[in-house]
PDB file of N, CA and C in Angstrom:
ATOM      1  N   UNK A   1     -13.452  13.067  -7.655  1.00  0.00           N
ATOM      2  CA  UNK A   1     -14.428  12.161  -8.213  1.00  0.00           C
ATOM      3  C   UNK A   1     -14.818  12.614  -9.624  1.00  0.00           C
ATOM      4  N   UNK A   2     -14.941  13.915  -9.769  1.00  0.00           N
ATOM      5  CA  UNK A   2     -15.291  14.466 -11.078  1.00  0.00           C
ATOM      6  C   UNK A   2     -14.196  14.176 -12.103  1.00  0.00           C
ATOM      7  N   UNK A   3     -12.953  14.294 -11.685  1.00  0.00           N
ATOM      8  CA  UNK A   3     -11.836  14.046 -12.600  1.00  0.00           C
ATOM      9  C   UNK A   3     -11.806  12.585 -13.037  1.00  0.00           C
ATOM     10  N   UNK A   4     -12.051  11.674 -12.103  1.00  0.00           N
ATOM     11  CA  UNK A   4     -12.055  10.239 -12.440  1.00  0.00           C
ATOM     12  C   UNK A   4     -13.185   9.933 -13.419  1.00  0.00           C
ATOM     13  N   UNK A   5     -14.352  10.513 -13.186  1.00  0.00           N
ATOM     14  CA  UNK A   5     -15.490  10.297 -14.079  1.00  0.00           C
ATOM     15  C   UNK A   5     -15.197  10.846 -15.473  1.00  0.00           C
ATOM     16  N   UNK A   6     -14.623  12.046 -15.533  1.00  0.00           N
ATOM     17  CA  UNK A   6     -14.299  12.644 -16.828  1.00  0.00           C
ATOM     18  C   UNK A   6     -13.253  11.809 -17.566  1.00  0.00           C
ATOM     19  N   UNK A   7     -12.242  11.347 -16.831  1.00  0.00           N
ATOM     20  CA  UNK A   7     -11.202  10.525 -17.446  1.00  0.00           C
ATOM     21  C   UNK A   7     -11.798   9.226 -17.989  1.00  0.00           C
ATOM     22  N   UNK A   8     -12.617   8.574 -17.182  1.00  0.00           N
ATOM     23  CA  UNK A   8     -13.242   7.309 -17.602  1.00  0.00           C
ATOM     24  C   UNK A   8     -14.115   7.526 -18.833  1.00  0.00           C
ATOM     25  N   UNK A   9     -14.875   8.614 -18.835  1.00  0.00           N
ATOM     26  CA  UNK A   9     -15.716   8.910 -19.995  1.00  0.00           C
ATOM     27  C   UNK A   9     -14.875   9.140 -21.240  1.00  0.00           C
ATOM     28  N   UNK A  10     -13.756   9.803 -21.093  1.00  0.00           N
ATOM     29  CA  UNK A  10     -12.855  10.027 -22.230  1.00  0.00           C
ATOM     30  C   UNK A  10     -12.277   8.726 -22.761  1.00  0.00           C
ATOM     31  N   UNK A  11     -11.912   7.821 -21.857  1.00  0.00           N
ATOM     32  CA  UNK A  11     -11.364   6.521 -22.278  1.00  0.00           C
ATOM     33  C   UNK A  11     -12.422   5.734 -23.041  1.00  0.00           C
ATOM     34  N   UNK A  12     -13.628   5.678 -22.498  1.00  0.00           N
ATOM     35  CA  UNK A  12     -14.710   4.930 -23.156  1.00  0.00           C
ATOM     36  C   UNK A  12     -15.004   5.528 -24.524  1.00  0.00           C
ATOM     37  N   UNK A  13     -15.088   6.839 -24.610  1.00  0.00           N
ATOM     38  CA  UNK A  13     -15.350   7.500 -25.896  1.00  0.00           C
ATOM     39  C   UNK A  13     -14.221   7.213 -26.885  1.00  0.00           C
ATOM     40  N   UNK A  14     -13.009   7.285 -26.425  1.00  0.00           N
ATOM     41  CA  UNK A  14     -11.867   6.991 -27.285  1.00  0.00           C
ATOM     42  C   UNK A  14     -11.882   5.564 -27.808  1.00  0.00           C
ATOM     43  N   UNK A  15     -12.243   4.628 -26.941  1.00  0.00           N
ATOM     44  CA  UNK A  15     -12.309   3.227 -27.372  1.00  0.00           C
ATOM     45  C   UNK A  15     -13.413   3.012 -28.401  1.00  0.00           C
ATOM     46  N   UNK A  16     -14.512   3.708 -28.253  1.00  0.00           N
ATOM     47  CA  UNK A  16     -15.635   3.537 -29.186  1.00  0.00           C
ATOM     48  C   UNK A  16     -15.321   4.135 -30.563  1.00  0.00           C
ATOM     49  N   UNK A  17     -14.455   5.131 -30.593  1.00  0.00           N
ATOM     50  CA  UNK A  17     -14.147   5.803 -31.854  1.00  0.00           C
ATOM     51  C   UNK A  17     -12.903   5.252 -32.551  1.00  0.00           C
ATOM     52  N   UNK A  18     -12.223   4.292 -31.940  1.00  0.00           N
ATOM     53  CA  UNK A  18     -11.013   3.750 -32.567  1.00  0.00           C
ATOM     54  C   UNK A  18     -11.380   2.802 -33.697  1.00  0.00           C
ATOM     55  N   UNK A  19     -10.506   2.706 -34.699  1.00  0.00           N
ATOM     56  CA  UNK A  19     -10.770   1.790 -35.818  1.00  0.00           C
ATOM     57  C   UNK A  19     -10.447   0.332 -35.472  1.00  0.00           C
ATOM     58  N   UNK A  20      -9.959   0.053 -34.283  1.00  0.00           N
ATOM     59  CA  UNK A  20      -9.612  -1.318 -33.899  1.00  0.00           C
ATOM     60  C   UNK A  20     -10.871  -2.113 -33.567  1.00  0.00           C
ATOM     61  N   UNK A  21     -10.727  -3.425 -33.630  1.00  0.00           N
ATOM     62  CA  UNK A  21     -11.856  -4.288 -33.277  1.00  0.00           C
ATOM     63  C   UNK A  21     -12.018  -4.342 -31.764  1.00  0.00           C
ATOM     64  N   UNK A  22     -13.139  -4.839 -31.300  1.00  0.00           N
ATOM     65  CA  UNK A  22     -13.411  -4.957 -29.872  1.00  0.00           C
ATOM     66  C   UNK A  22     -12.393  -5.840 -29.172  1.00  0.00           C
ATOM     67  N   UNK A  23     -11.976  -6.924 -29.844  1.00  0.00           N
ATOM     68  CA  UNK A  23     -10.994  -7.836 -29.262  1.00  0.00           C
ATOM     69  C   UNK A  23      -9.654  -7.135 -29.044  1.00  0.00           C
ATOM     70  N   UNK A  24      -9.230  -6.371 -30.032  1.00  0.00           N
ATOM     71  CA  UNK A  24      -7.970  -5.634 -29.914  1.00  0.00           C
ATOM     72  C   UNK A  24      -8.061  -4.575 -28.816  1.00  0.00           C
ATOM     73  N   UNK A  25      -9.189  -3.898 -28.730  1.00  0.00           N
ATOM     74  CA  UNK A  25      -9.376  -2.892 -27.687  1.00  0.00           C
ATOM     75  C   UNK A  25      -9.350  -3.523 -26.291  1.00  0.00           C
ATOM     76  N   UNK A  26     -10.011  -4.672 -26.134  1.00  0.00           N
ATOM     77  CA  UNK A  26     -10.019  -5.348 -24.829  1.00  0.00           C
ATOM     78  C   UNK A  26      -8.618  -5.775 -24.431  1.00  0.00           C
ATOM     79  N   UNK A  27      -7.851  -6.263 -25.407  1.00  0.00           N
ATOM     80  CA  UNK A  27      -6.471  -6.660 -25.135  1.00  0.00           C
ATOM     81  C   UNK A  27      -5.634  -5.453 -24.723  1.00  0.00           C
ATOM     82  N   UNK A  28      -5.814  -4.322 -25.447  1.00  0.00           N
ATOM     83  CA  UNK A  28      -5.088  -3.102 -25.119  1.00  0.00           C
ATOM     84  C   UNK A  28      -5.459  -2.588 -23.726  1.00  0.00           C
ATOM     85  N   UNK A  29      -6.758  -2.577 -23.408  1.00  0.00           N
ATOM     86  CA  UNK A  29      -7.227  -2.127 -22.091  1.00  0.00           C
ATOM     87  C   UNK A  29      -6.672  -3.040 -21.006  1.00  0.00           C
ATOM     88  N   UNK A  30      -6.681  -4.340 -21.258  1.00  0.00           N
ATOM     89  CA  UNK A  30      -6.159  -5.300 -20.287  1.00  0.00           C
ATOM     90  C   UNK A  30      -4.672  -5.044 -20.034  1.00  0.00           C
ATOM     91  N   UNK A  31      -3.926  -4.843 -21.112  1.00  0.00           N
ATOM     92  CA  UNK A  31      -2.485  -4.582 -20.990  1.00  0.00           C
ATOM     93  C   UNK A  31      -2.231  -3.274 -20.234  1.00  0.00           C
ATOM     94  N   UNK A  32      -2.957  -2.237 -20.596  1.00  0.00           N
ATOM     95  CA  UNK A  32      -2.788  -0.937 -19.931  1.00  0.00           C
ATOM     96  C   UNK A  32      -3.194  -1.008 -18.461  1.00  0.00           C
ATOM     97  N   UNK A  33      -4.234  -1.755 -18.175  1.00  0.00           N
ATOM     98  CA  UNK A  33      -4.683  -1.912 -16.783  1.00  0.00           C
ATOM     99  C   UNK A  33      -3.616  -2.611 -15.955  1.00  0.00           C
ATOM    100  N   UNK A  34      -2.991  -3.661 -16.521  1.00  0.00           N
ATOM    101  CA  UNK A  34      -1.947  -4.372 -15.805  1.00  0.00           C
ATOM    102  C   UNK A  34      -0.749  -3.457 -15.562  1.00  0.00           C
ATOM    103  N   UNK A  35      -0.346  -2.694 -16.569  1.00  0.00           N
ATOM    104  CA  UNK A  35       0.776  -1.766 -16.407  1.00  0.00           C
ATOM    105  C   UNK A  35       0.470  -0.703 -15.354  1.00  0.00           C
ATOM    106  N   UNK A  36      -0.754  -0.192 -15.386  1.00  0.00           N
ATOM    107  CA  UNK A  36      -1.152   0.818 -14.403  1.00  0.00           C
ATOM    108  C   UNK A  36      -1.163   0.232 -13.001  1.00  0.00           C
ATOM    109  N   UNK A  37      -1.669  -0.980 -12.867  1.00  0.00           N
ATOM    110  CA  UNK A  37      -1.708  -1.652 -11.569  1.00  0.00           C
ATOM    111  C   UNK A  37      -0.283  -1.858 -11.041  1.00  0.00           C
ATOM    112  N   UNK A  38       0.612  -2.335 -11.899  1.00  0.00           N
ATOM    113  CA  UNK A  38       2.010  -2.541 -11.491  1.00  0.00           C
ATOM    114  C   UNK A  38       2.669  -1.225 -11.084  1.00  0.00           C
ATOM    115  N   UNK A  39       2.413  -0.160 -11.842  1.00  0.00           N
ATOM    116  CA  UNK A  39       2.972   1.150 -11.535  1.00  0.00           C
ATOM    117  C   UNK A  39       2.466   1.651 -10.179  1.00  0.00           C
ATOM    118  N   UNK A  40       1.148   1.512  -9.943  1.00  0.00           N
ATOM    119  CA  UNK A  40       0.566   1.952  -8.677  1.00  0.00           C
ATOM    120  C   UNK A  40       1.119   1.158  -7.492  1.00  0.00           C
ATOM    121  N   UNK A  41       1.277  -0.152  -7.673  1.00  0.00           N
ATOM    122  CA  UNK A  41       1.837  -0.980  -6.599  1.00  0.00           C
ATOM    123  C   UNK A  41       3.277  -0.568  -6.296  1.00  0.00           C
ATOM    124  N   UNK A  42       4.063  -0.327  -7.334  1.00  0.00           N
ATOM    125  CA  UNK A  42       5.448   0.093  -7.156  1.00  0.00           C
ATOM    126  C   UNK A  42       5.514   1.431  -6.416  1.00  0.00           C
ATOM    127  N   UNK A  43       4.693   2.384  -6.847  1.00  0.00           N
ATOM    128  CA  UNK A  43       4.692   3.703  -6.205  1.00  0.00           C
ATOM    129  C   UNK A  43       4.223   3.597  -4.753  1.00  0.00           C
ATOM    130  N   UNK A  44       3.226   2.758  -4.495  1.00  0.00           N
ATOM    131  CA  UNK A  44       2.724   2.640  -3.116  1.00  0.00           C
ATOM    132  C   UNK A  44       3.774   1.999  -2.214  1.00  0.00           C
ATOM    133  N   UNK A  45       4.507   1.004  -2.724  1.00  0.00           N
ATOM    134  CA  UNK A  45       5.569   0.387  -1.928  1.00  0.00           C
ATOM    135  C   UNK A  45       6.683   1.394  -1.622  1.00  0.00           C
ATOM    136  N   UNK A  46       7.048   2.179  -2.623  1.00  0.00           N
ATOM    137  CA  UNK A  46       8.079   3.200  -2.409  1.00  0.00           C
ATOM    138  C   UNK A  46       7.606   4.245  -1.410  1.00  0.00           C
ATOM    139  N   UNK A  47       6.346   4.639  -1.504  1.00  0.00           N
ATOM    140  CA  UNK A  47       5.793   5.626  -0.578  1.00  0.00           C
ATOM    141  C   UNK A  47       5.806   5.094   0.853  1.00  0.00           C
ATOM    142  N   UNK A  48       5.426   3.828   1.021  1.00  0.00           N
ATOM    143  CA  UNK A  48       5.436   3.223   2.353  1.00  0.00           C
ATOM    144  C   UNK A  48       6.859   3.165   2.904  1.00  0.00           C
ATOM    145  N   UNK A  49       7.820   2.752   2.088  1.00  0.00           N
ATOM    146  CA  UNK A  49       9.222   2.676   2.524  1.00  0.00           C
ATOM    147  C   UNK A  49       9.751   4.052   2.919  1.00  0.00           C
ATOM    148  N   UNK A  50       9.467   5.057   2.100  1.00  0.00           N
ATOM    149  CA  UNK A  50       9.930   6.410   2.413  1.00  0.00           C
ATOM    150  C   UNK A  50       9.279   6.925   3.687  1.00  0.00           C
ATOM    151  N   UNK A  51       8.002   6.640   3.865  1.00  0.00           N
ATOM    152  CA  UNK A  51       7.301   7.077   5.076  1.00  0.00           C
ATOM    153  C   UNK A  51       7.893   6.412   6.308  1.00  0.00           C
ATOM    154  N   UNK A  52       8.186   5.123   6.212  1.00  0.00           N
ATOM    155  CA  UNK A  52       8.784   4.409   7.351  1.00  0.00           C
ATOM    156  C   UNK A  52      10.157   4.991   7.694  1.00  0.00           C
ATOM    157  N   UNK A  53      10.940   5.324   6.666  1.00  0.00           N
ATOM    158  CA  UNK A  53      12.260   5.930   6.908  1.00  0.00           C
ATOM    159  C   UNK A  53      12.120   7.286   7.590  1.00  0.00           C
ATOM    160  N   UNK A  54      11.166   8.095   7.128  1.00  0.00           N
ATOM    161  CA  UNK A  54      10.956   9.414   7.737  1.00  0.00           C
ATOM    162  C   UNK A  54      10.502   9.276   9.183  1.00  0.00           C
ATOM    163  N   UNK A  55       9.590   8.363   9.438  1.00  0.00           N
ATOM    164  CA  UNK A  55       9.109   8.142  10.804  1.00  0.00           C
ATOM    165  C   UNK A  55      10.263   7.688  11.688  1.00  0.00           C
ATOM    166  N   UNK A  56      11.116   6.821  11.167  1.00  0.00           N
ATOM    167  CA  UNK A  56      12.268   6.336  11.938  1.00  0.00           C
ATOM    168  C   UNK A  56      13.219   7.486  12.264  1.00  0.00           C
ATOM    169  N   UNK A  57      13.482   8.360  11.276  1.00  0.00           N
ATOM    170  CA  UNK A  57      14.361   9.513  11.524  1.00  0.00           C
ATOM    171  C   UNK A  57      13.770  10.456  12.569  1.00  0.00           C
ATOM    172  N   UNK A  58      12.482  10.712  12.471  1.00  0.00           N
ATOM    173  CA  UNK A  58      11.828  11.594  13.447  1.00  0.00           C
ATOM    174  C   UNK A  58      11.875  10.963  14.829  1.00  0.00           C
ATOM    175  N   UNK A  59      11.610   9.664  14.903  1.00  0.00           N
ATOM    176  CA  UNK A  59      11.625   8.961  16.184  1.00  0.00           C
ATOM    177  C   UNK A  59      13.011   9.016  16.814  1.00  0.00           C
ATOM    178  N   UNK A  60      14.046   8.786  16.010  1.00  0.00           N
ATOM    179  CA  UNK A  60      15.420   8.854  16.524  1.00  0.00           C
ATOM    180  C   UNK A  60      15.754  10.267  16.978  1.00  0.00           C
ATOM    181  N   UNK A  61      15.300  11.268  16.231  1.00  0.00           N
ATOM    182  CA  UNK A  61      15.540  12.653  16.605  1.00  0.00           C
ATOM    183  C   UNK A  61      14.876  13.007  17.924  1.00  0.00           C
ATOM    184  N   UNK A  62      13.654  12.524  18.122  1.00  0.00           N
ATOM    185  CA  UNK A  62      12.942  12.778  19.377  1.00  0.00           C
ATOM    186  C   UNK A  62      13.656  12.096  20.531  1.00  0.00           C
ATOM    187  N   UNK A  63      14.052  10.844  20.335  1.00  0.00           N
ATOM    188  CA  UNK A  63      14.762  10.113  21.396  1.00  0.00           C
ATOM    189  C   UNK A  63      16.065  10.821  21.761  1.00  0.00           C
ATOM    190  N   UNK A  64      16.780  11.300  20.749  1.00  0.00           N
ATOM    191  CA  UNK A  64      18.049  11.991  21.015  1.00  0.00           C
ATOM    192  C   UNK A  64      17.796  13.289  21.757  1.00  0.00           C
ATOM    193  N   UNK A  65      16.809  14.043  21.340  1.00  0.00           N
ATOM    194  CA  UNK A  65      16.489  15.318  21.986  1.00  0.00           C
ATOM    195  C   UNK A  65      16.094  15.103  23.437  1.00  0.00           C
ATOM    196  N   UNK A  66      15.243  14.128  23.673  1.00  0.00           N
ATOM    197  CA  UNK A  66      14.817  13.830  25.041  1.00  0.00           C
ATOM    198  C   UNK A  66      16.002  13.301  25.847  1.00  0.00           C
ATOM    199  N   UNK A  67      16.782  12.441  25.255  1.00  0.00           N
ATOM    200  CA  UNK A  67      17.946  11.878  25.941  1.00  0.00           C
ATOM    201  C   UNK A  67      18.977  12.932  26.297  1.00  0.00           C
ATOM    202  N   UNK A  68      19.154  13.908  25.413  1.00  0.00           N
ATOM    203  CA  UNK A  68      20.122  14.973  25.677  1.00  0.00           C
ATOM    204  C   UNK A  68      19.638  15.940  26.757  1.00  0.00           C
ATOM    205  N   UNK A  69      18.330  16.104  26.858  1.00  0.00           N
ATOM    206  CA  UNK A  69      17.818  17.088  27.805  1.00  0.00           C
ATOM    207  C   UNK A  69      17.556  16.507  29.198  1.00  0.00           C
ATOM    208  N   UNK A  70      17.474  15.203  29.318  1.00  0.00           N
ATOM    209  CA  UNK A  70      17.267  14.574  30.621  1.00  0.00           C
ATOM    210  C   UNK A  70      18.570  13.944  31.105  1.00  0.00           C
ATOM    211  N   UNK A  71      18.894  14.132  32.367  1.00  0.00           N
ATOM    212  CA  UNK A  71      20.131  13.529  32.872  1.00  0.00           C
ATOM    213  C   UNK A  71      19.959  12.023  33.083  1.00  0.00           C
ATOM    214  N   UNK A  72      21.054  11.318  33.000  1.00  0.00           N
ATOM    215  CA  UNK A  72      21.067   9.889  33.295  1.00  0.00           C
ATOM    216  C   UNK A  72      21.126   9.740  34.811  1.00  0.00           C
ATOM    217  N   UNK A  73      20.048   9.267  35.417  1.00  0.00           N
ATOM    218  CA  UNK A  73      19.969   9.213  36.879  1.00  0.00           C
ATOM    219  C   UNK A  73      20.970   8.237  37.479  1.00  0.00           C
ATOM    220  N   UNK A  74      21.267   7.173  36.795  1.00  0.00           N
ATOM    221  CA  UNK A  74      22.266   6.229  37.321  1.00  0.00           C
ATOM    222  C   UNK A  74      23.644   6.892  37.395  1.00  0.00           C
ATOM    223  N   UNK A  75      23.964   7.613  36.349  1.00  0.00           N
ATOM    224  CA  UNK A  75      25.256   8.304  36.315  1.00  0.00           C
ATOM    225  C   UNK A  75      25.274   9.462  37.314  1.00  0.00           C
ATOM    226  N   UNK A  76      24.164  10.164  37.469  1.00  0.00           N
ATOM    227  CA  UNK A  76      24.105  11.316  38.369  1.00  0.00           C
ATOM    228  C   UNK A  76      24.200  10.895  39.833  1.00  0.00           C
ATOM    229  N   UNK A  77      23.720   9.707  40.166  1.00  0.00           N
ATOM    230  CA  UNK A  77      23.728   9.257  41.569  1.00  0.00           C
ATOM    231  C   UNK A  77      24.846   8.271  41.853  1.00  0.00           C
ATOM    232  N   UNK A  78      25.717   8.086  40.932  1.00  0.00           N
ATOM    233  CA  UNK A  78      26.786   7.106  41.062  1.00  0.00           C
ATOM    234  C   UNK A  78      27.723   7.404  42.243  1.00  0.00           C
ATOM    235  N   UNK A  79      28.005   8.651  42.468  1.00  0.00           N
ATOM    236  CA  UNK A  79      28.968   9.032  43.503  1.00  0.00           C
ATOM    237  C   UNK A  79      28.321   9.304  44.862  1.00  0.00           C
ATOM    238  N   UNK A  80      27.023   9.125  44.981  1.00  0.00           N
ATOM    239  CA  UNK A  80      26.358   9.359  46.256  1.00  0.00           C
ATOM    240  C   UNK A  80      26.515   8.144  47.157  1.00  0.00           C
ATOM    241  N   UNK A  81      26.894   8.390  48.365  1.00  0.00           N
ATOM    242  CA  UNK A  81      27.040   7.301  49.337  1.00  0.00           C
ATOM    243  C   UNK A  81      26.040   7.523  50.464  1.00  0.00           C
ATOM    244  N   UNK A  82      25.195   6.558  50.666  1.00  0.00           N
ATOM    245  CA  UNK A  82      24.214   6.636  51.734  1.00  0.00           C
ATOM    246  C   UNK A  82      24.601   5.678  52.848  1.00  0.00           C
ATOM    247  N   UNK A  83      24.402   6.127  54.049  1.00  0.00           N
ATOM    248  CA  UNK A  83      24.556   5.247  55.200  1.00  0.00           C
ATOM    249  C   UNK A  83      23.255   4.483  55.355  1.00  0.00           C
ATOM    250  N   UNK A  84      23.313   3.370  56.002  1.00  0.00           N
ATOM    251  CA  UNK A  84      22.137   2.523  56.126  1.00  0.00           C
ATOM    252  C   UNK A  84      21.002   3.219  56.865  1.00  0.00           C
ATOM    253  N   UNK A  85      21.307   4.054  57.844  1.00  0.00           N
ATOM    254  CA  UNK A  85      20.292   4.723  58.641  1.00  0.00           C
ATOM    255  C   UNK A  85      19.696   5.951  57.943  1.00  0.00           C
ATOM    256  N   UNK A  86      20.332   6.478  56.940  1.00  0.00           N
ATOM    257  CA  UNK A  86      19.891   7.701  56.305  1.00  0.00           C
ATOM    258  C   UNK A  86      18.563   7.547  55.560  1.00  0.00           C
ATOM    259  N   UNK A  87      18.314   6.401  55.020  1.00  0.00           N
ATOM    260  CA  UNK A  87      17.113   6.195  54.226  1.00  0.00           C
ATOM    261  C   UNK A  87      15.886   5.909  55.038  1.00  0.00           C
ATOM    262  N   UNK A  88      15.999   5.712  56.327  1.00  0.00           N
ATOM    263  CA  UNK A  88      14.866   5.342  57.168  1.00  0.00           C
ATOM    264  C   UNK A  88      14.325   6.565  57.880  1.00  0.00           C
ATOM    265  N   UNK A  89      12.996   6.658  57.919  1.00  0.00           N
ATOM    266  CA  UNK A  89      12.365   7.714  58.673  1.00  0.00           C
ATOM    267  C   UNK A  89      11.963   7.160  60.024  1.00  0.00           C
ATOM    268  N   UNK A  90      12.126   7.967  61.023  1.00  0.00           N
ATOM    269  CA  UNK A  90      11.740   7.537  62.366  1.00  0.00           C
ATOM    270  C   UNK A  90      10.347   8.018  62.662  1.00  0.00           C
ATOM    271  N   UNK A  91       9.592   7.190  63.372  1.00  0.00           N
ATOM    272  CA  UNK A  91       8.229   7.559  63.755  1.00  0.00           C
ATOM    273  C   UNK A  91       8.321   8.190  65.143  1.00  0.00           C
ATOM    274  N   UNK A  92       8.151   9.515  65.193  1.00  0.00           N
ATOM    275  CA  UNK A  92       8.291  10.210  66.470  1.00  0.00           C
ATOM    276  C   UNK A  92       6.952  10.492  67.116  1.00  0.00           C
ATOM    277  N   UNK A  93       5.849  10.193  66.439  1.00  0.00           N
ATOM    278  CA  UNK A  93       4.523  10.401  67.015  1.00  0.00           C
ATOM    279  C   UNK A  93       4.167   9.221  67.917  1.00  0.00           C
ATOM    280  N   UNK A  94       3.947   9.480  69.165  1.00  0.00           N
ATOM    281  CA  UNK A  94       3.563   8.421  70.101  1.00  0.00           C
ATOM    282  C   UNK A  94       2.270   8.753  70.760  1.00  0.00           C
TER     283      UNK A  94
END
């Protein structure tokens, strides 16, 4: 916050001490503000894109790590043959 205040104060002081007219200064400030806004928007879009790519890479890495460490249950039980009676429990309490 201190840096922004100091920078703003420097800009205002610089504008007051320039030999240009107020109209020329306003035009220059307007032009510089637009360029700064465009630059900030461009940088923010690039930052968002890079962040999304990094998150995607991390997500894929996690999925691969988990996938490699856990067995595929369908594949692991593929060769098991159950008889119809094997899966049923009998109630022996009477």
